[in-house]
PDB file of all heavy atoms in Angstrom:
ATOM      1  N   LEU A   1     -35.340  38.671  -7.384  1.00  0.00           N
ATOM      2  CA  LEU A   1     -36.119  37.489  -7.784  1.00  0.00           C
ATOM      3  C   LEU A   1     -35.278  36.293  -7.447  1.00  0.00           C
ATOM      4  O   LEU A   1     -34.126  36.191  -7.847  1.00  0.00           O
ATOM      5  CB  LEU A   1     -36.497  37.517  -9.305  1.00  0.00           C
ATOM      6  CG  LEU A   1     -37.462  38.596  -9.705  1.00  0.00           C
ATOM      7  CD1 LEU A   1     -37.628  38.557 -11.183  1.00  0.00           C
ATOM      8  CD2 LEU A   1     -38.799  38.389  -8.987  1.00  0.00           C
ATOM      9  N   VAL A   2     -35.843  35.344  -6.750  1.00  0.00           N
ATOM     10  CA  VAL A   2     -35.190  34.078  -6.332  1.00  0.00           C
ATOM     11  C   VAL A   2     -35.939  32.927  -6.965  1.00  0.00           C
ATOM     12  O   VAL A   2     -37.167  32.728  -6.814  1.00  0.00           O
ATOM     13  CB  VAL A   2     -35.165  33.982  -4.803  1.00  0.00           C
ATOM     14  CG1 VAL A   2     -34.550  32.625  -4.374  1.00  0.00           C
ATOM     15  CG2 VAL A   2     -34.467  35.128  -4.226  1.00  0.00           C
ATOM     16  N   PRO A   3     -35.146  32.009  -7.675  1.00  0.00           N
ATOM     17  CA  PRO A   3     -35.910  30.808  -8.280  1.00  0.00           C
ATOM     18  C   PRO A   3     -36.151  29.808  -7.218  1.00  0.00           C
ATOM     19  O   PRO A   3     -35.260  29.524  -6.303  1.00  0.00           O
ATOM     20  CB  PRO A   3     -34.858  30.299  -9.319  1.00  0.00           C
ATOM     21  CG  PRO A   3     -33.556  30.797  -8.738  1.00  0.00           C
ATOM     22  CD  PRO A   3     -33.830  32.093  -8.078  1.00  0.00           C
ATOM     23  N   GLU A   4     -37.387  29.268  -7.152  1.00  0.00           N
ATOM     24  CA  GLU A   4     -37.784  28.242  -6.229  1.00  0.00           C
ATOM     25  C   GLU A   4     -38.531  27.127  -6.837  1.00  0.00           C
ATOM     26  O   GLU A   4     -39.282  27.384  -7.852  1.00  0.00           O
ATOM     27  CB  GLU A   4     -38.633  28.844  -5.097  1.00  0.00           C
ATOM     28  CG  GLU A   4     -37.908  29.819  -4.178  1.00  0.00           C
ATOM     29  CD  GLU A   4     -38.773  30.317  -3.053  1.00  0.00           C
ATOM     30  OE1 GLU A   4     -39.987  29.809  -2.930  1.00  0.00           O
ATOM     31  OE2 GLU A   4     -38.382  31.297  -2.344  1.00  0.00           O
ATOM     32  N   LEU A   5     -38.354  25.891  -6.401  1.00  0.00           N
ATOM     33  CA  LEU A   5     -39.026  24.743  -6.829  1.00  0.00           C
ATOM     34  C   LEU A   5     -40.260  24.543  -5.989  1.00  0.00           C
ATOM     35  O   LEU A   5     -40.178  24.405  -4.760  1.00  0.00           O
ATOM     36  CB  LEU A   5     -38.183  23.475  -6.885  1.00  0.00           C
ATOM     37  CG  LEU A   5     -37.012  23.446  -7.751  1.00  0.00           C
ATOM     38  CD1 LEU A   5     -36.302  22.032  -7.684  1.00  0.00           C
ATOM     39  CD2 LEU A   5     -37.464  23.627  -9.230  1.00  0.00           C
ATOM     40  N   PHE A   6     -41.401  24.507  -6.601  1.00  0.00           N
ATOM     41  CA  PHE A   6     -42.736  24.164  -5.922  1.00  0.00           C
ATOM     42  C   PHE A   6     -42.982  22.774  -6.190  1.00  0.00           C
ATOM     43  O   PHE A   6     -43.370  22.429  -7.330  1.00  0.00           O
ATOM     44  CB  PHE A   6     -43.834  25.117  -6.382  1.00  0.00           C
ATOM     45  CG  PHE A   6     -43.742  26.542  -5.914  1.00  0.00           C
ATOM     46  CD1 PHE A   6     -42.661  27.344  -6.271  1.00  0.00           C
ATOM     47  CD2 PHE A   6     -44.715  27.099  -5.169  1.00  0.00           C
ATOM     48  CE1 PHE A   6     -42.528  28.681  -5.897  1.00  0.00           C
ATOM     49  CE2 PHE A   6     -44.611  28.391  -4.681  1.00  0.00           C
ATOM     50  CZ  PHE A   6     -43.514  29.199  -5.059  1.00  0.00           C
ATOM     51  N   ILE A   7     -42.880  21.875  -5.151  1.00  0.00           N
ATOM     52  CA  ILE A   7     -43.110  20.492  -5.421  1.00  0.00           C
ATOM     53  C   ILE A   7     -44.308  20.031  -4.697  1.00  0.00           C
ATOM     54  O   ILE A   7     -44.587  20.375  -3.512  1.00  0.00           O
ATOM     55  CB  ILE A   7     -41.873  19.690  -4.816  1.00  0.00           C
ATOM     56  CG1 ILE A   7     -40.618  20.131  -5.583  1.00  0.00           C
ATOM     57  CG2 ILE A   7     -42.090  18.120  -5.017  1.00  0.00           C
ATOM     58  CD1 ILE A   7     -39.320  19.538  -4.976  1.00  0.00           C
ATOM     59  N   ALA A   8     -45.083  19.197  -5.400  1.00  0.00           N
ATOM     60  CA  ALA A   8     -46.408  18.613  -4.842  1.00  0.00           C
ATOM     61  C   ALA A   8     -46.436  17.137  -5.073  1.00  0.00           C
ATOM     62  O   ALA A   8     -45.981  16.678  -6.107  1.00  0.00           O
ATOM     63  CB  ALA A   8     -47.632  19.329  -5.457  1.00  0.00           C
ATOM     64  N   PHE A   9     -47.055  16.451  -4.147  1.00  0.00           N
ATOM     65  CA  PHE A   9     -47.234  14.957  -4.323  1.00  0.00           C
ATOM     66  C   PHE A   9     -48.319  14.517  -3.392  1.00  0.00           C
ATOM     67  O   PHE A   9     -48.665  15.139  -2.433  1.00  0.00           O
ATOM     68  CB  PHE A   9     -45.915  14.244  -4.072  1.00  0.00           C
ATOM     69  CG  PHE A   9     -45.331  14.518  -2.734  1.00  0.00           C
ATOM     70  CD1 PHE A   9     -45.570  13.739  -1.570  1.00  0.00           C
ATOM     71  CD2 PHE A   9     -44.390  15.595  -2.586  1.00  0.00           C
ATOM     72  CE1 PHE A   9     -45.013  14.045  -0.386  1.00  0.00           C
ATOM     73  CE2 PHE A   9     -43.877  15.895  -1.387  1.00  0.00           C
ATOM     74  CZ  PHE A   9     -44.108  15.089  -0.246  1.00  0.00           C
ATOM     75  N   GLN A  10     -48.772  13.224  -3.636  1.00  0.00           N
ATOM     76  CA  GLN A  10     -49.703  12.575  -2.756  1.00  0.00           C
ATOM     77  C   GLN A  10     -49.007  11.386  -2.131  1.00  0.00           C
ATOM     78  O   GLN A  10     -48.117  10.803  -2.734  1.00  0.00           O
ATOM     79  CB  GLN A  10     -50.923  12.151  -3.425  1.00  0.00           C
ATOM     80  CG  GLN A  10     -51.921  13.219  -3.894  1.00  0.00           C
ATOM     81  CD  GLN A  10     -53.219  12.680  -4.477  1.00  0.00           C
ATOM     82  OE1 GLN A  10     -53.593  11.591  -4.242  1.00  0.00           O
ATOM     83  NE2 GLN A  10     -53.901  13.550  -5.211  1.00  0.00           N
ATOM     84  N   VAL A  11     -49.438  11.046  -0.882  1.00  0.00           N
ATOM     85  CA  VAL A  11     -48.915   9.889  -0.329  1.00  0.00           C
ATOM     86  C   VAL A  11     -50.109   8.955  -0.054  1.00  0.00           C
ATOM     87  O   VAL A  11     -51.143   9.254   0.553  1.00  0.00           O
ATOM     88  CB  VAL A  11     -48.330  10.180   1.111  1.00  0.00           C
ATOM     89  CG1 VAL A  11     -47.846   8.946   1.803  1.00  0.00           C
ATOM     90  CG2 VAL A  11     -47.130  11.188   0.941  1.00  0.00           C
ATOM     91  N   SER A  12     -50.030   7.783  -0.686  1.00  0.00           N
ATOM     92  CA  SER A  12     -51.130   6.823  -0.753  1.00  0.00           C
ATOM     93  C   SER A  12     -50.785   5.491  -0.054  1.00  0.00           C
ATOM     94  O   SER A  12     -49.633   5.037  -0.037  1.00  0.00           O
ATOM     95  CB  SER A  12     -51.444   6.482  -2.220  1.00  0.00           C
ATOM     96  OG  SER A  12     -52.287   5.293  -2.252  1.00  0.00           O
ATOM     97  N   PRO A  13     -51.789   4.904   0.737  1.00  0.00           N
ATOM     98  CA  PRO A  13     -51.513   3.647   1.410  1.00  0.00           C
ATOM     99  C   PRO A  13     -51.686   2.383   0.457  1.00  0.00           C
ATOM    100  O   PRO A  13     -51.558   1.273   0.970  1.00  0.00           O
ATOM    101  CB  PRO A  13     -52.632   3.603   2.462  1.00  0.00           C
ATOM    102  CG  PRO A  13     -53.738   4.291   1.755  1.00  0.00           C
ATOM    103  CD  PRO A  13     -53.130   5.372   0.901  1.00  0.00           C
ATOM    104  N   PHE A  14     -51.732   2.686  -0.899  1.00  0.00           N
ATOM    105  CA  PHE A  14     -51.972   1.525  -1.694  1.00  0.00           C
ATOM    106  C   PHE A  14     -50.844   1.327  -2.721  1.00  0.00           C
ATOM    107  O   PHE A  14     -50.965   1.375  -3.921  1.00  0.00           O
ATOM    108  CB  PHE A  14     -53.339   1.696  -2.510  1.00  0.00           C
ATOM    109  CG  PHE A  14     -54.452   1.910  -1.613  1.00  0.00           C
ATOM    110  CD1 PHE A  14     -55.201   3.046  -1.666  1.00  0.00           C
ATOM    111  CD2 PHE A  14     -54.876   0.897  -0.779  1.00  0.00           C
ATOM    112  CE1 PHE A  14     -56.349   3.192  -0.773  1.00  0.00           C
ATOM    113  CE2 PHE A  14     -55.978   0.983   0.065  1.00  0.00           C
ATOM    114  CZ  PHE A  14     -56.705   2.219   0.127  1.00  0.00           C
ATOM    115  N   ALA A  15     -49.635   1.075  -2.115  1.00  0.00           N
ATOM    116  CA  ALA A  15     -48.491   0.616  -2.984  1.00  0.00           C
ATOM    117  C   ALA A  15     -48.865  -0.704  -3.557  1.00  0.00           C
ATOM    118  O   ALA A  15     -49.693  -1.417  -3.091  1.00  0.00           O
ATOM    119  CB  ALA A  15     -47.269   0.577  -2.180  1.00  0.00           C
ATOM    120  N   PRO A  16     -48.092  -1.163  -4.636  1.00  0.00           N
ATOM    121  CA  PRO A  16     -48.466  -2.399  -5.341  1.00  0.00           C
ATOM    122  C   PRO A  16     -48.555  -3.579  -4.413  1.00  0.00           C
ATOM    123  O   PRO A  16     -49.315  -4.508  -4.715  1.00  0.00           O
ATOM    124  CB  PRO A  16     -47.244  -2.577  -6.216  1.00  0.00           C
ATOM    125  CG  PRO A  16     -46.815  -1.125  -6.609  1.00  0.00           C
ATOM    126  CD  PRO A  16     -46.999  -0.357  -5.288  1.00  0.00           C
ATOM    127  N   GLN A  17     -47.861  -3.639  -3.289  1.00  0.00           N
ATOM    128  CA  GLN A  17     -47.795  -4.758  -2.362  1.00  0.00           C
ATOM    129  C   GLN A  17     -48.856  -4.704  -1.223  1.00  0.00           C
ATOM    130  O   GLN A  17     -48.910  -5.495  -0.320  1.00  0.00           O
ATOM    131  CB  GLN A  17     -46.509  -5.021  -1.807  1.00  0.00           C
ATOM    132  CG  GLN A  17     -46.077  -4.075  -0.648  1.00  0.00           C
ATOM    133  CD  GLN A  17     -45.439  -2.782  -1.300  1.00  0.00           C
ATOM    134  OE1 GLN A  17     -45.659  -2.442  -2.439  1.00  0.00           O
ATOM    135  NE2 GLN A  17     -44.672  -2.076  -0.448  1.00  0.00           N
ATOM    136  N   TRP A  18     -49.734  -3.630  -1.252  1.00  0.00           N
ATOM    137  CA  TRP A  18     -50.627  -3.497  -0.126  1.00  0.00           C
ATOM    138  C   TRP A  18     -51.601  -4.551   0.109  1.00  0.00           C
ATOM    139  O   TRP A  18     -51.874  -4.842   1.263  1.00  0.00           O
ATOM    140  CB  TRP A  18     -51.416  -2.053  -0.312  1.00  0.00           C
ATOM    141  CG  TRP A  18     -52.562  -2.130  -1.197  1.00  0.00           C
ATOM    142  CD1 TRP A  18     -52.616  -1.922  -2.555  1.00  0.00           C
ATOM    143  CD2 TRP A  18     -53.941  -2.394  -0.838  1.00  0.00           C
ATOM    144  NE1 TRP A  18     -53.941  -2.080  -3.008  1.00  0.00           N
ATOM    145  CE2 TRP A  18     -54.689  -2.380  -1.977  1.00  0.00           C
ATOM    146  CE3 TRP A  18     -54.554  -2.688   0.448  1.00  0.00           C
ATOM    147  CZ2 TRP A  18     -56.060  -2.600  -1.991  1.00  0.00           C
ATOM    148  CZ3 TRP A  18     -55.939  -2.868   0.366  1.00  0.00           C
ATOM    149  CH2 TRP A  18     -56.656  -2.879  -0.772  1.00  0.00           C
ATOM    150  N   LYS A  19     -52.092  -5.239  -0.909  1.00  0.00           N
ATOM    151  CA  LYS A  19     -53.118  -6.281  -0.761  1.00  0.00           C
ATOM    152  C   LYS A  19     -52.545  -7.444   0.020  1.00  0.00           C
ATOM    153  O   LYS A  19     -53.179  -8.019   0.919  1.00  0.00           O
ATOM    154  CB  LYS A  19     -53.655  -6.778  -2.086  1.00  0.00           C
ATOM    155  CG  LYS A  19     -54.632  -5.716  -2.702  1.00  0.00           C
ATOM    156  CD  LYS A  19     -55.377  -6.324  -3.900  1.00  0.00           C
ATOM    157  CE  LYS A  19     -56.341  -5.302  -4.443  1.00  0.00           C
ATOM    158  NZ  LYS A  19     -57.027  -5.830  -5.679  1.00  0.00           N
ATOM    159  N   SER A  20     -51.316  -7.862  -0.261  1.00  0.00           N
ATOM    160  CA  SER A  20     -50.721  -8.957   0.453  1.00  0.00           C
ATOM    161  C   SER A  20     -50.418  -8.574   1.898  1.00  0.00           C
ATOM    162  O   SER A  20     -50.587  -9.384   2.814  1.00  0.00           O
ATOM    163  CB  SER A  20     -49.319  -9.387  -0.192  1.00  0.00           C
ATOM    164  OG  SER A  20     -48.447  -8.300  -0.221  1.00  0.00           O
ATOM    165  N   ALA A  21     -50.090  -7.419   2.145  1.00  0.00           N
ATOM    166  CA  ALA A  21     -49.843  -6.957   3.542  1.00  0.00           C
ATOM    167  C   ALA A  21     -51.234  -6.916   4.314  1.00  0.00           C
ATOM    168  O   ALA A  21     -51.303  -7.177   5.513  1.00  0.00           O
ATOM    169  CB  ALA A  21     -49.212  -5.596   3.583  1.00  0.00           C
ATOM    170  N   CYS A  22     -52.242  -6.536   3.553  1.00  0.00           N
ATOM    171  CA  CYS A  22     -53.569  -6.400   4.125  1.00  0.00           C
ATOM    172  C   CYS A  22     -54.166  -7.716   4.431  1.00  0.00           C
ATOM    173  O   CYS A  22     -54.988  -7.842   5.388  1.00  0.00           O
ATOM    174  CB  CYS A  22     -54.494  -5.531   3.202  1.00  0.00           C
ATOM    175  SG  CYS A  22     -55.878  -4.774   3.984  1.00  0.00           S
ATOM    176  N   ASN A  23     -53.792  -8.758   3.673  1.00  0.00           N
ATOM    177  CA  ASN A  23     -54.426 -10.087   3.931  1.00  0.00           C
ATOM    178  C   ASN A  23     -54.037 -10.681   5.271  1.00  0.00           C
ATOM    179  O   ASN A  23     -54.762 -11.493   5.793  1.00  0.00           O
ATOM    180  CB  ASN A  23     -53.981 -11.066   2.807  1.00  0.00           C
ATOM    181  CG  ASN A  23     -54.619 -10.688   1.440  1.00  0.00           C
ATOM    182  OD1 ASN A  23     -55.661 -10.122   1.440  1.00  0.00           O
ATOM    183  ND2 ASN A  23     -53.947 -11.188   0.388  1.00  0.00           N
ATOM    184  N   ASP A  24     -52.934 -10.225   5.822  1.00  0.00           N
ATOM    185  CA  ASP A  24     -52.410 -10.690   7.079  1.00  0.00           C
ATOM    186  C   ASP A  24     -53.078  -9.893   8.259  1.00  0.00           C
ATOM    187  O   ASP A  24     -52.863 -10.250   9.411  1.00  0.00           O
ATOM    188  CB  ASP A  24     -50.910 -10.529   7.237  1.00  0.00           C
ATOM    189  CG  ASP A  24     -50.228 -11.493   6.121  1.00  0.00           C
ATOM    190  OD1 ASP A  24     -50.812 -12.452   5.729  1.00  0.00           O
ATOM    191  OD2 ASP A  24     -49.141 -11.029   5.713  1.00  0.00           O
ATOM    192  N   ALA A  25     -53.822  -8.833   7.968  1.00  0.00           N
ATOM    193  CA  ALA A  25     -54.389  -7.988   8.998  1.00  0.00           C
ATOM    194  C   ALA A  25     -55.869  -8.425   9.282  1.00  0.00           C
ATOM    195  O   ALA A  25     -56.596  -8.898   8.442  1.00  0.00           O
ATOM    196  CB  ALA A  25     -54.370  -6.534   8.591  1.00  0.00           C
ATOM    197  N   ILE A  26     -56.256  -8.287  10.616  1.00  0.00           N
ATOM    198  CA  ILE A  26     -57.644  -8.660  10.948  1.00  0.00           C
ATOM    199  C   ILE A  26     -58.607  -7.650  10.361  1.00  0.00           C
ATOM    200  O   ILE A  26     -59.627  -7.964   9.860  1.00  0.00           O
ATOM    201  CB  ILE A  26     -57.754  -8.727  12.439  1.00  0.00           C
ATOM    202  CG1 ILE A  26     -56.826  -9.860  13.010  1.00  0.00           C
ATOM    203  CG2 ILE A  26     -59.256  -8.899  12.888  1.00  0.00           C
ATOM    204  CD1 ILE A  26     -56.817  -9.856  14.526  1.00  0.00           C
ATOM    205  N   ASP A  27     -58.266  -6.339  10.433  1.00  0.00           N
ATOM    206  CA  ASP A  27     -59.094  -5.316   9.885  1.00  0.00           C
ATOM    207  C   ASP A  27     -58.272  -4.609   8.820  1.00  0.00           C
ATOM    208  O   ASP A  27     -57.421  -3.737   9.209  1.00  0.00           O
ATOM    209  CB  ASP A  27     -59.535  -4.341  11.075  1.00  0.00           C
ATOM    210  CG  ASP A  27     -60.604  -3.425  10.609  1.00  0.00           C
ATOM    211  OD1 ASP A  27     -60.505  -2.844   9.498  1.00  0.00           O
ATOM    212  OD2 ASP A  27     -61.572  -3.239  11.323  1.00  0.00           O
ATOM    213  N   CYS A  28     -58.657  -4.690   7.607  1.00  0.00           N
ATOM    214  CA  CYS A  28     -57.852  -4.085   6.518  1.00  0.00           C
ATOM    215  C   CYS A  28     -57.917  -2.628   6.495  1.00  0.00           C
ATOM    216  O   CYS A  28     -56.911  -1.921   6.260  1.00  0.00           O
ATOM    217  CB  CYS A  28     -58.348  -4.631   5.156  1.00  0.00           C
ATOM    218  SG  CYS A  28     -57.405  -4.138   3.761  1.00  0.00           S
ATOM    219  N   GLU A  29     -59.160  -2.066   6.769  1.00  0.00           N
ATOM    220  CA  GLU A  29     -59.220  -0.641   6.827  1.00  0.00           C
ATOM    221  C   GLU A  29     -58.428   0.025   7.921  1.00  0.00           C
ATOM    222  O   GLU A  29     -57.784   1.026   7.668  1.00  0.00           O
ATOM    223  CB  GLU A  29     -60.673  -0.243   7.095  1.00  0.00           C
ATOM    224  CG  GLU A  29     -61.654  -0.618   6.000  1.00  0.00           C
ATOM    225  CD  GLU A  29     -63.072  -0.501   6.477  1.00  0.00           C
ATOM    226  OE1 GLU A  29     -63.435   0.586   6.922  1.00  0.00           O
ATOM    227  OE2 GLU A  29     -63.884  -1.514   6.314  1.00  0.00           O
TER     228      GLU A  29
END
């Protein structure tokens, strides 16, 4: 028996500063 860490996470494009970065873009999507 071998101990292993099962790690899960999501990667999202909406970090706290995303709106300010999106305001400078022509197409936010």
